Amino acid sequence: NNTVSIIINGEVAKRICYKFHVDPRRSAALLSTFSTIFQGLVPYGAQMLIMVGFANGKVSPLEVLPYCWFIYLLGISAIISIFIPFSDGFIRKDPWNFEAQKPQSQVDGSNEKAALL
């Protein structure tokens, strides 16, 4: 389901990335993370249906929501990562070239890994 959300919203996310110069790799990771969070909170989402199925229908999805601590922790971690970016070191080493629409290492070949590929 994360793939579906990226396919549907990918073009909008790409336009926003290029307009505000946000690294598309970071945007894709956040899009996938937040789609997982919201799908886990929806009563008819795959995660919730599987969880209720394990209980053989003895509980409703709304009764399970207070115990979905993983989803809440994932949401808190994602929000924190927006304000305190953990991946900045990786992005600084290989920044996104918005004109060429690819990482800088693939544009000028300055990265050793790109030269090996």
N, C-alpha and C. Protein backbone atom coordinates (compact mmCIF):
# COMPACT_ATOMS: atom_id res chain seq x y z
N ASN A 1 0.82 -1.20 0.00
CA ASN A 1 0.00 0.00 0.00
C ASN A 1 0.86 1.26 0.00
N ASN A 2 2.05 1.18 0.54
CA ASN A 2 2.93 2.34 0.49
C ASN A 2 3.31 2.66 -0.94
N THR A 3 3.51 1.62 -1.73
CA THR A 3 3.85 1.80 -3.14
C THR A 3 2.73 2.52 -3.86
N VAL A 4 1.50 2.16 -3.56
CA VAL A 4 0.36 2.81 -4.19
C VAL A 4 0.31 4.29 -3.84
N SER A 5 0.55 4.61 -2.59
CA SER A 5 0.52 6.03 -2.18
C SER A 5 1.64 6.81 -2.86
N ILE A 6 2.80 6.21 -3.02
CA ILE A 6 3.91 6.91 -3.68
C ILE A 6 3.60 7.11 -5.16
N ILE A 7 3.00 6.12 -5.80
CA ILE A 7 2.66 6.25 -7.21
C ILE A 7 1.60 7.34 -7.41
N ILE A 8 0.59 7.35 -6.53
CA ILE A 8 -0.48 8.33 -6.67
C ILE A 8 0.00 9.74 -6.33
N ASN A 9 0.77 9.88 -5.26
CA ASN A 9 1.18 11.20 -4.78
C ASN A 9 2.59 11.59 -5.21
N GLY A 10 3.27 10.72 -5.91
CA GLY A 10 4.67 10.96 -6.26
C GLY A 10 4.90 12.20 -7.09
N GLU A 11 4.05 12.44 -8.06
CA GLU A 11 4.24 13.60 -8.94
C GLU A 11 4.04 14.90 -8.17
N VAL A 12 3.06 14.93 -7.28
CA VAL A 12 2.83 16.13 -6.46
C VAL A 12 4.02 16.34 -5.53
N ALA A 13 4.49 15.26 -4.90
CA ALA A 13 5.64 15.36 -4.00
C ALA A 13 6.88 15.82 -4.76
N LYS A 14 7.05 15.35 -5.98
CA LYS A 14 8.21 15.75 -6.79
C LYS A 14 8.16 17.24 -7.10
N ARG A 15 6.99 17.75 -7.46
CA ARG A 15 6.87 19.18 -7.74
C ARG A 15 7.18 20.02 -6.51
N ILE A 16 6.69 19.56 -5.36
CA ILE A 16 6.95 20.29 -4.11
C ILE A 16 8.45 20.27 -3.79
N CYS A 17 9.09 19.11 -4.00
CA CYS A 17 10.54 18.99 -3.75
C CYS A 17 11.33 19.96 -4.60
N TYR A 18 11.00 20.03 -5.89
CA TYR A 18 11.76 20.89 -6.77
C TYR A 18 11.46 22.37 -6.53
N LYS A 19 10.23 22.67 -6.11
CA LYS A 19 9.88 24.06 -5.84
C LYS A 19 10.61 24.59 -4.60
N PHE A 20 10.69 23.76 -3.55
CA PHE A 20 11.29 24.19 -2.30
C PHE A 20 12.67 23.61 -2.04
N HIS A 21 13.26 22.95 -3.05
CA HIS A 21 14.60 22.37 -2.97
C HIS A 21 14.76 21.43 -1.78
N VAL A 22 13.83 20.49 -1.67
CA VAL A 22 13.90 19.42 -0.67
C VAL A 22 14.40 18.18 -1.39
N ASP A 23 15.34 17.48 -0.80
CA ASP A 23 15.91 16.29 -1.42
C ASP A 23 14.80 15.26 -1.69
N PRO A 24 14.63 14.82 -2.95
CA PRO A 24 13.58 13.85 -3.28
C PRO A 24 13.71 12.52 -2.55
N ARG A 25 14.93 12.11 -2.20
CA ARG A 25 15.12 10.87 -1.46
C ARG A 25 14.50 10.98 -0.07
N ARG A 26 14.68 12.14 0.54
CA ARG A 26 14.10 12.38 1.86
C ARG A 26 12.58 12.45 1.77
N SER A 27 12.09 13.10 0.74
CA SER A 27 10.65 13.22 0.54
C SER A 27 10.00 11.85 0.35
N ALA A 28 10.63 10.98 -0.43
CA ALA A 28 10.09 9.64 -0.67
C ALA A 28 10.06 8.83 0.63
N ALA A 29 11.08 8.97 1.44
CA ALA A 29 11.12 8.24 2.71
C ALA A 29 10.02 8.71 3.64
N LEU A 30 9.82 10.03 3.72
CA LEU A 30 8.76 10.56 4.58
C LEU A 30 7.38 10.20 4.05
N LEU A 31 7.20 10.22 2.75
CA LEU A 31 5.92 9.85 2.16
C LEU A 31 5.57 8.40 2.49
N SER A 32 6.54 7.52 2.37
CA SER A 32 6.32 6.11 2.70
C SER A 32 6.04 5.92 4.19
N THR A 33 6.78 6.62 5.03
CA THR A 33 6.60 6.48 6.48
C THR A 33 5.22 6.96 6.91
N PHE A 34 4.82 8.13 6.44
CA PHE A 34 3.52 8.66 6.87
C PHE A 34 2.36 7.87 6.27
N SER A 35 2.52 7.29 5.09
CA SER A 35 1.45 6.44 4.56
C SER A 35 1.31 5.19 5.41
N THR A 36 2.41 4.66 5.92
CA THR A 36 2.34 3.51 6.83
C THR A 36 1.62 3.88 8.12
N ILE A 37 1.92 5.05 8.65
CA ILE A 37 1.29 5.49 9.89
C ILE A 37 -0.23 5.63 9.71
N PHE A 38 -0.63 6.34 8.67
CA PHE A 38 -2.06 6.58 8.49
C PHE A 38 -2.81 5.31 8.11
N GLN A 39 -2.17 4.43 7.35
CA GLN A 39 -2.83 3.17 7.03
C GLN A 39 -3.02 2.32 8.28
N GLY A 40 -2.09 2.39 9.20
CA GLY A 40 -2.22 1.64 10.44
C GLY A 40 -3.30 2.17 11.36
N LEU A 41 -3.64 3.44 11.21
CA LEU A 41 -4.67 4.03 12.07
C LEU A 41 -6.08 3.89 11.48
N VAL A 42 -6.18 3.65 10.19
CA VAL A 42 -7.49 3.52 9.54
C VAL A 42 -8.09 2.17 9.93
N PRO A 43 -9.35 2.15 10.38
CA PRO A 43 -9.95 0.89 10.83
C PRO A 43 -10.05 -0.19 9.76
N TYR A 44 -10.04 0.17 8.49
CA TYR A 44 -10.14 -0.82 7.42
C TYR A 44 -8.82 -1.00 6.68
N GLY A 45 -7.72 -0.52 7.26
CA GLY A 45 -6.39 -0.71 6.67
C GLY A 45 -5.93 -2.14 6.86
N ALA A 46 -4.96 -2.54 6.06
CA ALA A 46 -4.48 -3.93 6.07
C ALA A 46 -3.96 -4.35 7.44
N GLN A 47 -3.16 -3.49 8.08
CA GLN A 47 -2.62 -3.86 9.39
C GLN A 47 -3.72 -4.09 10.41
N MET A 48 -4.71 -3.20 10.41
CA MET A 48 -5.79 -3.31 11.38
C MET A 48 -6.66 -4.54 11.10
N LEU A 49 -6.93 -4.83 9.84
CA LEU A 49 -7.74 -6.00 9.50
C LEU A 49 -7.04 -7.30 9.90
N ILE A 50 -5.73 -7.36 9.73
CA ILE A 50 -4.98 -8.55 10.13
C ILE A 50 -5.01 -8.70 11.65
N MET A 51 -4.83 -7.58 12.36
CA MET A 51 -4.82 -7.63 13.81
C MET A 51 -6.18 -8.09 14.35
N VAL A 52 -7.25 -7.56 13.81
CA VAL A 52 -8.59 -7.94 14.25
C VAL A 52 -8.88 -9.38 13.83
N GLY A 53 -8.35 -9.79 12.69
CA GLY A 53 -8.52 -11.17 12.24
C GLY A 53 -7.87 -12.16 13.19
N PHE A 54 -6.73 -11.81 13.75
CA PHE A 54 -6.08 -12.69 14.73
C PHE A 54 -6.94 -12.86 15.98
N ALA A 55 -7.75 -11.85 16.29
CA ALA A 55 -8.62 -11.92 17.47
C ALA A 55 -9.96 -12.59 17.13
N ASN A 56 -10.08 -13.10 15.92
CA ASN A 56 -11.31 -13.78 15.47
C ASN A 56 -12.55 -12.91 15.62
N GLY A 57 -12.41 -11.61 15.41
CA GLY A 57 -13.55 -10.71 15.44
C GLY A 57 -14.08 -10.40 16.82
N LYS A 58 -13.37 -10.74 17.87
CA LYS A 58 -13.85 -10.51 19.24
C LYS A 58 -13.63 -9.08 19.70
N VAL A 59 -12.82 -8.32 18.96
CA VAL A 59 -12.59 -6.91 19.27
C VAL A 59 -12.79 -6.09 18.00
N SER A 60 -13.14 -4.84 18.17
CA SER A 60 -13.29 -3.96 17.02
C SER A 60 -11.98 -3.22 16.77
N PRO A 61 -11.79 -2.71 15.57
CA PRO A 61 -10.57 -1.94 15.30
C PRO A 61 -10.41 -0.73 16.23
N LEU A 62 -11.51 -0.12 16.62
CA LEU A 62 -11.41 1.04 17.51
C LEU A 62 -10.95 0.66 18.91
N GLU A 63 -11.23 -0.57 19.33
CA GLU A 63 -10.75 -1.03 20.63
C GLU A 63 -9.26 -1.31 20.62
N VAL A 64 -8.71 -1.57 19.46
CA VAL A 64 -7.30 -1.91 19.32
C VAL A 64 -6.43 -0.66 19.23
N LEU A 65 -6.98 0.45 18.75
CA LEU A 65 -6.20 1.67 18.51
C LEU A 65 -5.34 2.14 19.69
N PRO A 66 -5.83 2.10 20.93
CA PRO A 66 -4.96 2.55 22.03
C PRO A 66 -3.70 1.70 22.21
N TYR A 67 -3.71 0.49 21.68
CA TYR A 67 -2.57 -0.42 21.86
C TYR A 67 -1.64 -0.46 20.64
N CYS A 68 -1.87 0.40 19.69
CA CYS A 68 -1.01 0.45 18.49
C CYS A 68 0.17 1.37 18.76
N TRP A 69 0.96 1.06 19.77
CA TRP A 69 2.05 1.92 20.19
C TRP A 69 3.13 2.05 19.14
N PHE A 70 3.33 1.01 18.30
CA PHE A 70 4.36 1.09 17.26
C PHE A 70 4.04 2.21 16.27
N ILE A 71 2.78 2.35 15.91
CA ILE A 71 2.39 3.39 14.96
C ILE A 71 2.62 4.77 15.56
N TYR A 72 2.29 4.91 16.83
CA TYR A 72 2.49 6.21 17.50
C TYR A 72 3.97 6.54 17.60
N LEU A 73 4.79 5.55 17.95
CA LEU A 73 6.24 5.77 18.04
C LEU A 73 6.83 6.11 16.68
N LEU A 74 6.33 5.44 15.64
CA LEU A 74 6.79 5.72 14.28
C LEU A 74 6.44 7.15 13.89
N GLY A 75 5.24 7.60 14.23
CA GLY A 75 4.82 8.97 13.94
C GLY A 75 5.67 9.99 14.66
N ILE A 76 5.92 9.76 15.93
CA ILE A 76 6.76 10.68 16.72
C ILE A 76 8.17 10.72 16.15
N SER A 77 8.71 9.55 15.79
CA SER A 77 10.06 9.49 15.21
C SER A 77 10.12 10.22 13.88
N ALA A 78 9.10 10.07 13.06
CA ALA A 78 9.08 10.74 11.75
C ALA A 78 9.02 12.26 11.91
N ILE A 79 8.21 12.72 12.84
CA ILE A 79 8.12 14.17 13.07
C ILE A 79 9.43 14.71 13.62
N ILE A 80 10.04 13.98 14.54
CA ILE A 80 11.34 14.41 15.07
C ILE A 80 12.39 14.44 13.96
N SER A 81 12.35 13.46 13.06
CA SER A 81 13.35 13.42 11.99
C SER A 81 13.21 14.58 11.01
N ILE A 82 12.03 15.18 10.96
CA ILE A 82 11.86 16.36 10.10
C ILE A 82 12.61 17.55 10.70
N PHE A 83 12.50 17.71 12.02
CA PHE A 83 13.13 18.85 12.68
C PHE A 83 14.58 18.61 13.05
N ILE A 84 14.94 17.35 13.30
CA ILE A 84 16.32 16.97 13.59
C ILE A 84 16.71 15.91 12.57
N PRO A 85 17.11 16.32 11.38
CA PRO A 85 17.36 15.36 10.30
C PRO A 85 18.56 14.45 10.60
N PHE A 86 18.29 13.15 10.67
CA PHE A 86 19.33 12.17 10.95
C PHE A 86 20.14 11.84 9.70
N SER A 87 19.56 12.04 8.54
CA SER A 87 20.23 11.64 7.29
C SER A 87 20.98 12.79 6.64
N ASP A 88 21.14 13.89 7.33
CA ASP A 88 21.81 15.04 6.72
C ASP A 88 23.24 14.73 6.31
N GLY A 89 23.93 13.89 7.05
CA GLY A 89 25.30 13.55 6.68
C GLY A 89 25.36 12.89 5.31
N PHE A 90 24.46 11.95 5.07
CA PHE A 90 24.41 11.28 3.77
C PHE A 90 24.04 12.26 2.67
N ILE A 91 23.07 13.11 2.93
CA ILE A 91 22.61 14.05 1.92
C ILE A 91 23.69 15.10 1.64
N ARG A 92 24.42 15.53 2.67
CA ARG A 92 25.50 16.50 2.45
C ARG A 92 26.63 15.90 1.64
N LYS A 93 26.90 14.60 1.82
CA LYS A 93 27.97 13.95 1.06
C LYS A 93 27.62 13.83 -0.42
N ASP A 94 26.34 13.65 -0.71
CA ASP A 94 25.90 13.48 -2.09
C ASP A 94 24.61 14.27 -2.31
N PRO A 95 24.72 15.62 -2.40
CA PRO A 95 23.51 16.44 -2.52
C PRO A 95 22.79 16.21 -3.85
N TRP A 96 21.54 16.58 -3.87
CA TRP A 96 20.71 16.41 -5.06
C TRP A 96 20.96 17.56 -6.02
N ASN A 97 21.21 17.25 -7.28
CA ASN A 97 21.36 18.26 -8.32
C ASN A 97 19.99 18.44 -8.96
N PHE A 98 19.32 19.56 -8.68
CA PHE A 98 17.96 19.77 -9.15
C PHE A 98 17.89 20.02 -10.65
N GLU A 99 18.96 20.54 -11.24
CA GLU A 99 18.95 20.77 -12.69
C GLU A 99 19.06 19.47 -13.46
N ALA A 100 19.92 18.55 -13.00
CA ALA A 100 20.10 17.27 -13.67
C ALA A 100 19.12 16.22 -13.19
N GLN A 101 18.40 16.50 -12.11
CA GLN A 101 17.42 15.60 -11.51
C GLN A 101 18.03 14.26 -11.09
N LYS A 102 19.21 14.34 -10.50
CA LYS A 102 19.88 13.15 -9.97
C LYS A 102 20.92 13.59 -8.95
N PRO A 103 21.43 12.65 -8.15
CA PRO A 103 22.47 13.02 -7.17
C PRO A 103 23.70 13.59 -7.86
N GLN A 104 24.38 14.48 -7.16
CA GLN A 104 25.56 15.14 -7.73
C GLN A 104 26.63 14.14 -8.14
N SER A 105 26.76 13.04 -7.42
CA SER A 105 27.79 12.05 -7.75
C SER A 105 27.54 11.43 -9.12
N GLN A 106 26.31 11.37 -9.55
CA GLN A 106 26.02 10.81 -10.86
C GLN A 106 26.17 11.85 -11.96
N VAL A 107 26.22 13.12 -11.60
CA VAL A 107 26.37 14.17 -12.59
C VAL A 107 27.83 14.36 -12.98
N ASP A 108 28.70 14.52 -11.96
CA ASP A 108 30.09 14.80 -12.28
C ASP A 108 31.03 13.63 -12.02
N GLY A 109 30.51 12.51 -11.51
CA GLY A 109 31.34 11.33 -11.28
C GLY A 109 32.32 11.50 -10.15
N SER A 110 32.07 12.45 -9.23
CA SER A 110 33.02 12.70 -8.16
C SER A 110 33.00 11.64 -7.07
N ASN A 111 31.94 10.89 -6.99
CA ASN A 111 31.82 9.86 -5.96
C ASN A 111 32.44 8.56 -6.48
N GLU A 112 33.22 7.89 -5.64
CA GLU A 112 33.89 6.65 -6.07
C GLU A 112 32.89 5.56 -6.40
N LYS A 113 31.79 5.48 -5.65
CA LYS A 113 30.78 4.45 -5.93
C LYS A 113 30.17 4.65 -7.29
N ALA A 114 29.90 5.91 -7.66
CA ALA A 114 29.30 6.18 -8.96
C ALA A 114 30.27 5.80 -10.08
N ALA A 115 31.56 5.99 -9.86
CA ALA A 115 32.54 5.63 -10.88
C ALA A 115 32.61 4.12 -11.09
N LEU A 116 32.38 3.37 -10.03
CA LEU A 116 32.41 1.91 -10.14
C LEU A 116 31.19 1.36 -10.88
N LEU A 117 30.07 2.07 -10.78
CA LEU A 117 28.85 1.61 -11.45
C LEU A 117 28.95 1.87 -12.91
